[in-house]
Amino acid sequence: MREGATPGLLWLGGFNSDMKGTKAEALDGWANERGRAMIRFDYSGHGESGGAFTDGTIGRWLDESLAVFDAFCRGPQVLVGSSMGGWLALLLARDRVRCAPPGATVAGLVLIAPAVDFTEELMWRRMSPEVRREIEEKGVWERPSAYSEGPYLITRGLIEEGRNHLLLGGMIETGCPVRILQGVQDPDVPWNHAVELTSRLAQDDVVLTLVKDGDHRLSRPEDLERLMRAVAEF
């Protein structure tokens, strides 16, 4: 947690990532140089936080994000969400528009390859019948990952509980400007997924930036520059 000027920044990381990743570290350095407040944290089962990763669900990680927002954020905040964190940022903004605690507001969203509804749209609907059956019968499937040495454990609880938080079936109202950065070469979150999300944000000031040669991480120096420019708009 870094004290500083507002609007503060709240970093929401991705699925099975942590608060010490390249983008989070770069954003923290940017905030430090400019005297801006910033908060980073790890969801349960991630990074330095306790708990088992396989116990995690979208609802659980959302509750943790809301708890951090309510306990530590003061004044206007920019939510910066990467991949799964983009989904959580949208859910957090929606919930705080409906019920804003004293002292904290959402001033803007910066979403990096936002994996909105990924448990359903990018996982379950794309899984083979064999993989679905394994999840239903065994409760877990080991999904190979290009981002870690071991596989990601995809649980039945993650898939089933995720259905309580789906957003793409209707319009999404955040009550604030939204900036989206999306790599066209992203193998995990297709660029047209970001376009679909943009179409659901009809009431908001939304700018979608497609990076033609960008991958899922968007962690190259030129990608980090785009991220800082987006955050600097607020």
C-alpha atoms as a PDB file:
ATOM      1  CA  MET A   1       0.000   0.000   0.000  1.00  0.00           C
ATOM      2  CA  ARG A   2       1.410   3.374  -1.044  1.00  0.00           C
ATOM      3  CA  GLU A   3       0.086   6.640   0.374  1.00  0.00           C
ATOM      4  CA  GLY A   4      -0.232   9.536  -2.020  1.00  0.00           C
ATOM      5  CA  ALA A   5      -2.416  11.807  -4.084  1.00  0.00           C
ATOM      6  CA  THR A   6      -5.717  10.853  -5.673  1.00  0.00           C
ATOM      7  CA  PRO A   7      -7.057   9.434  -7.795  1.00  0.00           C
ATOM      8  CA  GLY A   8      -5.418   6.417  -6.270  1.00  0.00           C
ATOM      9  CA  LEU A   9      -4.726   3.183  -8.125  1.00  0.00           C
ATOM     10  CA  LEU A  10      -6.011  -0.257  -7.150  1.00  0.00           C
ATOM     11  CA  TRP A  11      -4.296  -3.130  -8.962  1.00  0.00           C
ATOM     12  CA  LEU A  12      -6.395  -6.229  -9.645  1.00  0.00           C
ATOM     13  CA  GLY A  13      -4.234  -9.069 -10.957  1.00  0.00           C
ATOM     14  CA  GLY A  14      -4.986 -12.012 -13.180  1.00  0.00           C
ATOM     15  CA  PHE A  15      -5.846 -15.655 -12.680  1.00  0.00           C
ATOM     16  CA  ASN A  16      -2.979 -17.410 -10.860  1.00  0.00           C
ATOM     17  CA  SER A  17      -0.782 -14.302 -11.037  1.00  0.00           C
ATOM     18  CA  ASP A  18       0.481 -12.123  -8.193  1.00  0.00           C
ATOM     19  CA  MET A  19       1.099  -8.508  -7.225  1.00  0.00           C
ATOM     20  CA  LYS A  20       4.795  -8.662  -8.131  1.00  0.00           C
ATOM     21  CA  GLY A  21       4.317  -9.144 -11.864  1.00  0.00           C
ATOM     22  CA  THR A  22       5.883  -6.893 -14.482  1.00  0.00           C
ATOM     23  CA  LYS A  23       2.836  -4.656 -15.036  1.00  0.00           C
ATOM     24  CA  ALA A  24       2.070  -4.270 -11.326  1.00  0.00           C
ATOM     25  CA  GLU A  25       5.689  -3.388 -10.512  1.00  0.00           C
ATOM     26  CA  ALA A  26       5.879  -0.904 -13.374  1.00  0.00           C
ATOM     27  CA  LEU A  27       2.623   0.738 -12.332  1.00  0.00           C
ATOM     28  CA  ASP A  28       3.814   1.001  -8.743  1.00  0.00           C
ATOM     29  CA  GLY A  29       7.030   2.674  -9.898  1.00  0.00           C
ATOM     30  CA  TRP A  30       5.012   5.107 -12.023  1.00  0.00           C
ATOM     31  CA  ALA A  31       2.779   5.937  -9.046  1.00  0.00           C
ATOM     32  CA  ASN A  32       5.787   6.417  -6.771  1.00  0.00           C
ATOM     33  CA  GLU A  33       7.427   8.860  -9.167  1.00  0.00           C
ATOM     34  CA  ARG A  34       4.256  10.953  -9.303  1.00  0.00           C
ATOM     35  CA  GLY A  35       3.254  10.753  -5.660  1.00  0.00           C
ATOM     36  CA  ARG A  36       0.064   8.824  -6.442  1.00  0.00           C
ATOM     37  CA  ALA A  37      -1.556   6.449  -3.978  1.00  0.00           C
ATOM     38  CA  MET A  38      -1.541   2.788  -5.010  1.00  0.00           C
ATOM     39  CA  ILE A  39      -2.648  -0.514  -3.529  1.00  0.00           C
ATOM     40  CA  ARG A  40      -1.542  -3.978  -4.632  1.00  0.00           C
ATOM     41  CA  PHE A  41      -2.647  -7.228  -3.042  1.00  0.00           C
ATOM     42  CA  ASP A  42      -2.831 -10.958  -3.726  1.00  0.00           C
ATOM     43  CA  TYR A  43      -6.114 -12.846  -3.792  1.00  0.00           C
ATOM     44  CA  SER A  44      -6.355 -15.887  -1.544  1.00  0.00           C
ATOM     45  CA  GLY A  45      -4.393 -18.774  -3.023  1.00  0.00           C
ATOM     46  CA  HIS A  46      -2.220 -16.340  -4.991  1.00  0.00           C
ATOM     47  CA  GLY A  47       1.258 -15.013  -4.343  1.00  0.00           C
ATOM     48  CA  GLU A  48       1.899 -14.182  -0.691  1.00  0.00           C
ATOM     49  CA  SER A  49      -1.675 -14.730   0.493  1.00  0.00           C
ATOM     50  CA  GLY A  50      -2.728 -17.855   2.329  1.00  0.00           C
ATOM     51  CA  GLY A  51      -5.396 -20.317   1.305  1.00  0.00           C
ATOM     52  CA  ALA A  52      -5.591 -22.939  -1.402  1.00  0.00           C
ATOM     53  CA  PHE A  53      -5.865 -21.807  -5.005  1.00  0.00           C
ATOM     54  CA  THR A  54      -8.378 -24.592  -5.658  1.00  0.00           C
ATOM     55  CA  ASP A  55     -10.727 -23.104  -3.047  1.00  0.00           C
ATOM     56  CA  GLY A  56     -10.932 -19.889  -5.021  1.00  0.00           C
ATOM     57  CA  THR A  57     -13.933 -18.693  -7.019  1.00  0.00           C
ATOM     58  CA  ILE A  58     -14.838 -15.461  -8.766  1.00  0.00           C
ATOM     59  CA  GLY A  59     -17.205 -14.601  -5.936  1.00  0.00           C
ATOM     60  CA  ARG A  60     -14.570 -15.206  -3.269  1.00  0.00           C
ATOM     61  CA  TRP A  61     -11.943 -13.118  -5.041  1.00  0.00           C
ATOM     62  CA  LEU A  62     -14.525 -10.399  -5.676  1.00  0.00           C
ATOM     63  CA  ASP A  63     -15.387 -10.279  -1.975  1.00  0.00           C
ATOM     64  CA  GLU A  64     -11.695  -9.934  -1.168  1.00  0.00           C
ATOM     65  CA  SER A  65     -11.324  -7.127  -3.704  1.00  0.00           C
ATOM     66  CA  LEU A  66     -14.333  -5.314  -2.262  1.00  0.00           C
ATOM     67  CA  ALA A  67     -12.938  -5.723   1.254  1.00  0.00           C
ATOM     68  CA  VAL A  68      -9.618  -4.152   0.222  1.00  0.00           C
ATOM     69  CA  PHE A  69     -11.409  -1.315  -1.589  1.00  0.00           C
ATOM     70  CA  ASP A  70     -13.648  -0.538   1.372  1.00  0.00           C
ATOM     71  CA  ALA A  71     -10.929  -0.830   4.019  1.00  0.00           C
ATOM     72  CA  PHE A  72      -8.036   0.993   2.390  1.00  0.00           C
ATOM     73  CA  CYS A  73      -9.212   3.182  -0.498  1.00  0.00           C
ATOM     74  CA  ARG A  74      -9.994   6.829   0.150  1.00  0.00           C
ATOM     75  CA  GLY A  75     -11.251   9.305  -2.401  1.00  0.00           C
ATOM     76  CA  PRO A  76     -11.518   8.607  -6.142  1.00  0.00           C
ATOM     77  CA  GLN A  77      -9.839   5.421  -7.374  1.00  0.00           C
ATOM     78  CA  VAL A  78      -8.780   4.071 -10.762  1.00  0.00           C
ATOM     79  CA  LEU A  79      -9.190   0.297 -10.927  1.00  0.00           C
ATOM     80  CA  VAL A  80      -6.496  -1.308 -13.077  1.00  0.00           C
ATOM     81  CA  GLY A  81      -7.486  -4.878 -13.885  1.00  0.00           C
ATOM     82  CA  SER A  82      -5.451  -7.417 -15.851  1.00  0.00           C
ATOM     83  CA  SER A  83      -7.138 -10.464 -17.432  1.00  0.00           C
ATOM     84  CA  MET A  84      -9.344 -11.916 -14.657  1.00  0.00           C
ATOM     85  CA  GLY A  85      -8.713  -8.672 -12.779  1.00  0.00           C
ATOM     86  CA  GLY A  86     -10.553  -6.877 -15.572  1.00  0.00           C
ATOM     87  CA  TRP A  87     -13.660  -8.928 -14.843  1.00  0.00           C
ATOM     88  CA  LEU A  88     -13.296  -8.285 -11.118  1.00  0.00           C
ATOM     89  CA  ALA A  89     -12.808  -4.549 -11.737  1.00  0.00           C
ATOM     90  CA  LEU A  90     -16.086  -4.377 -13.653  1.00  0.00           C
ATOM     91  CA  LEU A  91     -17.916  -6.303 -10.934  1.00  0.00           C
ATOM     92  CA  LEU A  92     -16.415  -4.120  -8.198  1.00  0.00           C
ATOM     93  CA  ALA A  93     -17.338  -0.910 -10.031  1.00  0.00           C
ATOM     94  CA  ARG A  94     -20.892  -2.148 -10.579  1.00  0.00           C
ATOM     95  CA  ASP A  95     -21.305  -3.062  -6.924  1.00  0.00           C
ATOM     96  CA  ARG A  96     -19.894   0.228  -5.661  1.00  0.00           C
ATOM     97  CA  VAL A  97     -22.075   2.261  -8.015  1.00  0.00           C
ATOM     98  CA  ARG A  98     -25.039   0.526  -6.353  1.00  0.00           C
ATOM     99  CA  CYS A  99     -23.685   0.825  -2.820  1.00  0.00           C
ATOM    100  CA  ALA A 100     -20.831   3.299  -2.410  1.00  0.00           C
ATOM    101  CA  PRO A 101     -19.100   3.302   0.985  1.00  0.00           C
ATOM    102  CA  PRO A 102     -18.157   6.671   2.494  1.00  0.00           C
ATOM    103  CA  GLY A 103     -14.787   7.969   1.367  1.00  0.00           C
ATOM    104  CA  ALA A 104     -14.149   5.948  -1.800  1.00  0.00           C
ATOM    105  CA  THR A 105     -15.438   6.172  -5.364  1.00  0.00           C
ATOM    106  CA  VAL A 106     -14.511   4.599  -8.695  1.00  0.00           C
ATOM    107  CA  ALA A 107     -13.170   7.307 -10.992  1.00  0.00           C
ATOM    108  CA  GLY A 108     -12.169   5.106 -13.906  1.00  0.00           C
ATOM    109  CA  LEU A 109     -11.257   1.645 -15.164  1.00  0.00           C
ATOM    110  CA  VAL A 110      -8.168   0.577 -17.094  1.00  0.00           C
ATOM    111  CA  LEU A 111      -8.604  -3.006 -18.305  1.00  0.00           C
ATOM    112  CA  ILE A 112      -5.782  -5.062 -19.810  1.00  0.00           C
ATOM    113  CA  ALA A 113      -6.938  -8.050 -21.881  1.00  0.00           C
ATOM    114  CA  PRO A 114     -10.094  -8.215 -19.743  1.00  0.00           C
ATOM    115  CA  ALA A 115     -11.160 -11.848 -19.349  1.00  0.00           C
ATOM    116  CA  VAL A 116     -14.800 -11.066 -18.624  1.00  0.00           C
ATOM    117  CA  ASP A 117     -16.929 -14.195 -18.072  1.00  0.00           C
ATOM    118  CA  PHE A 118     -13.837 -16.300 -18.828  1.00  0.00           C
ATOM    119  CA  THR A 119     -14.962 -19.301 -16.775  1.00  0.00           C
ATOM    120  CA  GLU A 120     -17.934 -19.732 -19.085  1.00  0.00           C
ATOM    121  CA  GLU A 121     -17.054 -18.066 -22.408  1.00  0.00           C
ATOM    122  CA  LEU A 122     -13.333 -18.828 -22.628  1.00  0.00           C
ATOM    123  CA  MET A 123     -13.211 -22.093 -20.678  1.00  0.00           C
ATOM    124  CA  TRP A 124     -16.384 -24.156 -20.341  1.00  0.00           C
ATOM    125  CA  ARG A 125     -17.837 -23.453 -23.797  1.00  0.00           C
ATOM    126  CA  ARG A 126     -14.508 -24.277 -25.442  1.00  0.00           C
ATOM    127  CA  MET A 127     -13.789 -27.449 -23.504  1.00  0.00           C
ATOM    128  CA  SER A 128     -14.114 -30.843 -25.107  1.00  0.00           C
ATOM    129  CA  PRO A 129     -16.764 -33.248 -23.820  1.00  0.00           C
ATOM    130  CA  GLU A 130     -13.957 -35.301 -22.252  1.00  0.00           C
ATOM    131  CA  VAL A 131     -12.615 -32.361 -20.263  1.00  0.00           C
ATOM    132  CA  ARG A 132     -16.101 -31.336 -19.146  1.00  0.00           C
ATOM    133  CA  ARG A 133     -16.769 -34.864 -17.957  1.00  0.00           C
ATOM    134  CA  GLU A 134     -13.500 -34.928 -16.010  1.00  0.00           C
ATOM    135  CA  ILE A 135     -14.400 -31.683 -14.246  1.00  0.00           C
ATOM    136  CA  GLU A 136     -17.892 -32.899 -13.435  1.00  0.00           C
ATOM    137  CA  GLU A 137     -16.785 -36.317 -12.201  1.00  0.00           C
ATOM    138  CA  LYS A 138     -13.411 -35.554 -10.567  1.00  0.00           C
ATOM    139  CA  GLY A 139     -14.082 -31.935  -9.611  1.00  0.00           C
ATOM    140  CA  VAL A 140     -10.843 -30.666 -11.154  1.00  0.00           C
ATOM    141  CA  TRP A 141      -8.915 -30.598 -14.431  1.00  0.00           C
ATOM    142  CA  GLU A 142      -5.230 -29.861 -14.921  1.00  0.00           C
ATOM    143  CA  ARG A 143      -5.070 -27.273 -17.676  1.00  0.00           C
ATOM    144  CA  PRO A 144      -1.656 -26.862 -19.338  1.00  0.00           C
ATOM    145  CA  SER A 145      -0.332 -23.317 -19.041  1.00  0.00           C
ATOM    146  CA  ALA A 146       2.191 -21.288 -21.000  1.00  0.00           C
ATOM    147  CA  TYR A 147       2.659 -18.957 -18.022  1.00  0.00           C
ATOM    148  CA  SER A 148       3.830 -21.341 -15.287  1.00  0.00           C
ATOM    149  CA  GLU A 149       5.843 -24.530 -14.885  1.00  0.00           C
ATOM    150  CA  GLY A 150       2.854 -26.537 -13.720  1.00  0.00           C
ATOM    151  CA  PRO A 151      -0.730 -26.721 -14.975  1.00  0.00           C
ATOM    152  CA  TYR A 152      -3.600 -24.525 -13.799  1.00  0.00           C
ATOM    153  CA  LEU A 153      -6.104 -26.447 -11.712  1.00  0.00           C
ATOM    154  CA  ILE A 154      -9.596 -25.699 -13.005  1.00  0.00           C
ATOM    155  CA  THR A 155     -12.210 -26.763 -10.459  1.00  0.00           C
ATOM    156  CA  ARG A 156     -15.891 -27.482 -10.833  1.00  0.00           C
ATOM    157  CA  GLY A 157     -16.522 -24.876  -8.131  1.00  0.00           C
ATOM    158  CA  LEU A 158     -14.748 -22.201 -10.160  1.00  0.00           C
ATOM    159  CA  ILE A 159     -16.869 -22.936 -13.224  1.00  0.00           C
ATOM    160  CA  GLU A 160     -20.201 -23.303 -11.448  1.00  0.00           C
ATOM    161  CA  GLU A 161     -19.798 -20.334  -9.083  1.00  0.00           C
ATOM    162  CA  GLY A 162     -18.584 -18.146 -11.943  1.00  0.00           C
ATOM    163  CA  ARG A 163     -22.053 -18.351 -13.478  1.00  0.00           C
ATOM    164  CA  ASN A 164     -23.319 -16.119 -10.671  1.00  0.00           C
ATOM    165  CA  HIS A 165     -21.217 -13.216 -11.978  1.00  0.00           C
ATOM    166  CA  LEU A 166     -21.590 -13.261 -15.756  1.00  0.00           C
ATOM    167  CA  LEU A 167     -21.802  -9.817 -17.379  1.00  0.00           C
ATOM    168  CA  LEU A 168     -21.948 -10.246 -21.149  1.00  0.00           C
ATOM    169  CA  GLY A 169     -25.604 -11.235 -21.253  1.00  0.00           C
ATOM    170  CA  GLY A 170     -26.738  -7.643 -20.854  1.00  0.00           C
ATOM    171  CA  MET A 171     -25.607  -4.032 -20.650  1.00  0.00           C
ATOM    172  CA  ILE A 172     -22.884  -3.115 -18.148  1.00  0.00           C
ATOM    173  CA  GLU A 173     -23.023   0.185 -16.295  1.00  0.00           C
ATOM    174  CA  THR A 174     -19.849   1.246 -14.497  1.00  0.00           C
ATOM    175  CA  GLY A 175     -20.667   4.904 -14.015  1.00  0.00           C
ATOM    176  CA  CYS A 176     -17.139   5.933 -15.054  1.00  0.00           C
ATOM    177  CA  PRO A 177     -14.802   6.140 -18.085  1.00  0.00           C
ATOM    178  CA  VAL A 178     -13.240   2.876 -19.261  1.00  0.00           C
ATOM    179  CA  ARG A 179      -9.979   2.299 -21.134  1.00  0.00           C
ATOM    180  CA  ILE A 180      -9.287  -1.161 -22.603  1.00  0.00           C
ATOM    181  CA  LEU A 181      -5.937  -2.440 -23.919  1.00  0.00           C
ATOM    182  CA  GLN A 182      -6.142  -5.653 -25.937  1.00  0.00           C
ATOM    183  CA  GLY A 183      -3.542  -7.595 -27.919  1.00  0.00           C
ATOM    184  CA  VAL A 184      -4.706  -8.888 -31.290  1.00  0.00           C
ATOM    185  CA  GLN A 185      -2.306 -11.847 -30.978  1.00  0.00           C
ATOM    186  CA  ASP A 186      -3.660 -12.813 -27.540  1.00  0.00           C
ATOM    187  CA  PRO A 187      -4.222 -16.614 -27.525  1.00  0.00           C
ATOM    188  CA  ASP A 188      -6.196 -16.583 -24.256  1.00  0.00           C
ATOM    189  CA  VAL A 189      -8.550 -13.617 -24.578  1.00  0.00           C
ATOM    190  CA  PRO A 190      -9.388 -13.073 -28.277  1.00  0.00           C
ATOM    191  CA  TRP A 191      -9.542  -9.470 -29.440  1.00  0.00           C
ATOM    192  CA  ASN A 192     -13.181  -9.878 -30.481  1.00  0.00           C
ATOM    193  CA  HIS A 193     -13.969 -10.684 -26.836  1.00  0.00           C
ATOM    194  CA  ALA A 194     -12.853  -7.150 -25.978  1.00  0.00           C
ATOM    195  CA  VAL A 195     -14.982  -5.779 -28.819  1.00  0.00           C
ATOM    196  CA  GLU A 196     -18.003  -7.633 -27.412  1.00  0.00           C
ATOM    197  CA  LEU A 197     -17.304  -6.145 -23.987  1.00  0.00           C
ATOM    198  CA  THR A 198     -17.056  -2.655 -25.476  1.00  0.00           C
ATOM    199  CA  SER A 199     -20.487  -3.063 -27.064  1.00  0.00           C
ATOM    200  CA  ARG A 200     -21.906  -3.828 -23.602  1.00  0.00           C
ATOM    201  CA  LEU A 201     -20.604  -0.532 -22.173  1.00  0.00           C
ATOM    202  CA  ALA A 202     -22.880   1.698 -24.195  1.00  0.00           C
ATOM    203  CA  GLN A 203     -23.546   4.156 -21.369  1.00  0.00           C
ATOM    204  CA  ASP A 204     -19.887   4.854 -20.578  1.00  0.00           C
ATOM    205  CA  ASP A 205     -16.983   6.768 -22.127  1.00  0.00           C
ATOM    206  CA  VAL A 206     -15.029   3.816 -23.539  1.00  0.00           C
ATOM    207  CA  VAL A 207     -11.821   3.692 -25.575  1.00  0.00           C
ATOM    208  CA  LEU A 208     -10.637   0.314 -26.878  1.00  0.00           C
ATOM    209  CA  THR A 209      -7.014   0.138 -28.035  1.00  0.00           C
ATOM    210  CA  LEU A 210      -6.098  -2.906 -30.131  1.00  0.00           C
ATOM    211  CA  VAL A 211      -2.376  -3.696 -30.192  1.00  0.00           C
ATOM    212  CA  LYS A 212      -1.807  -5.460 -33.494  1.00  0.00           C
ATOM    213  CA  ASP A 213       1.260  -7.462 -32.385  1.00  0.00           C
ATOM    214  CA  GLY A 214       0.324  -7.636 -28.705  1.00  0.00           C
ATOM    215  CA  ASP A 215       0.028 -10.892 -26.758  1.00  0.00           C
ATOM    216  CA  HIS A 216      -1.923 -11.653 -23.580  1.00  0.00           C
ATOM    217  CA  ARG A 217       0.561 -10.245 -21.120  1.00  0.00           C
ATOM    218  CA  LEU A 218       1.117  -6.876 -22.811  1.00  0.00           C
ATOM    219  CA  SER A 219       4.274  -6.473 -20.710  1.00  0.00           C
ATOM    220  CA  ARG A 220       6.759  -5.228 -23.294  1.00  0.00           C
ATOM    221  CA  PRO A 221       8.201  -1.721 -22.784  1.00  0.00           C
ATOM    222  CA  GLU A 222       5.904  -0.279 -25.454  1.00  0.00           C
ATOM    223  CA  ASP A 223       2.908  -2.017 -23.839  1.00  0.00           C
ATOM    224  CA  LEU A 224       3.797  -0.612 -20.428  1.00  0.00           C
ATOM    225  CA  GLU A 225       3.985   2.858 -21.973  1.00  0.00           C
ATOM    226  CA  ARG A 226       0.447   2.415 -23.314  1.00  0.00           C
ATOM    227  CA  LEU A 227      -0.704   1.331 -19.865  1.00  0.00           C
ATOM    228  CA  MET A 228       0.808   4.375 -18.178  1.00  0.00           C
ATOM    229  CA  ARG A 229      -0.717   6.704 -20.771  1.00  0.00           C
ATOM    230  CA  ALA A 230      -4.133   5.177 -20.145  1.00  0.00           C
ATOM    231  CA  VAL A 231      -3.803   5.558 -16.375  1.00  0.00           C
ATOM    232  CA  ALA A 232      -2.495   9.120 -16.767  1.00  0.00           C
ATOM    233  CA  GLU A 233      -5.769  10.133 -18.431  1.00  0.00           C
ATOM    234  CA  PHE A 234      -7.424  10.067 -15.011  1.00  0.00           C
END
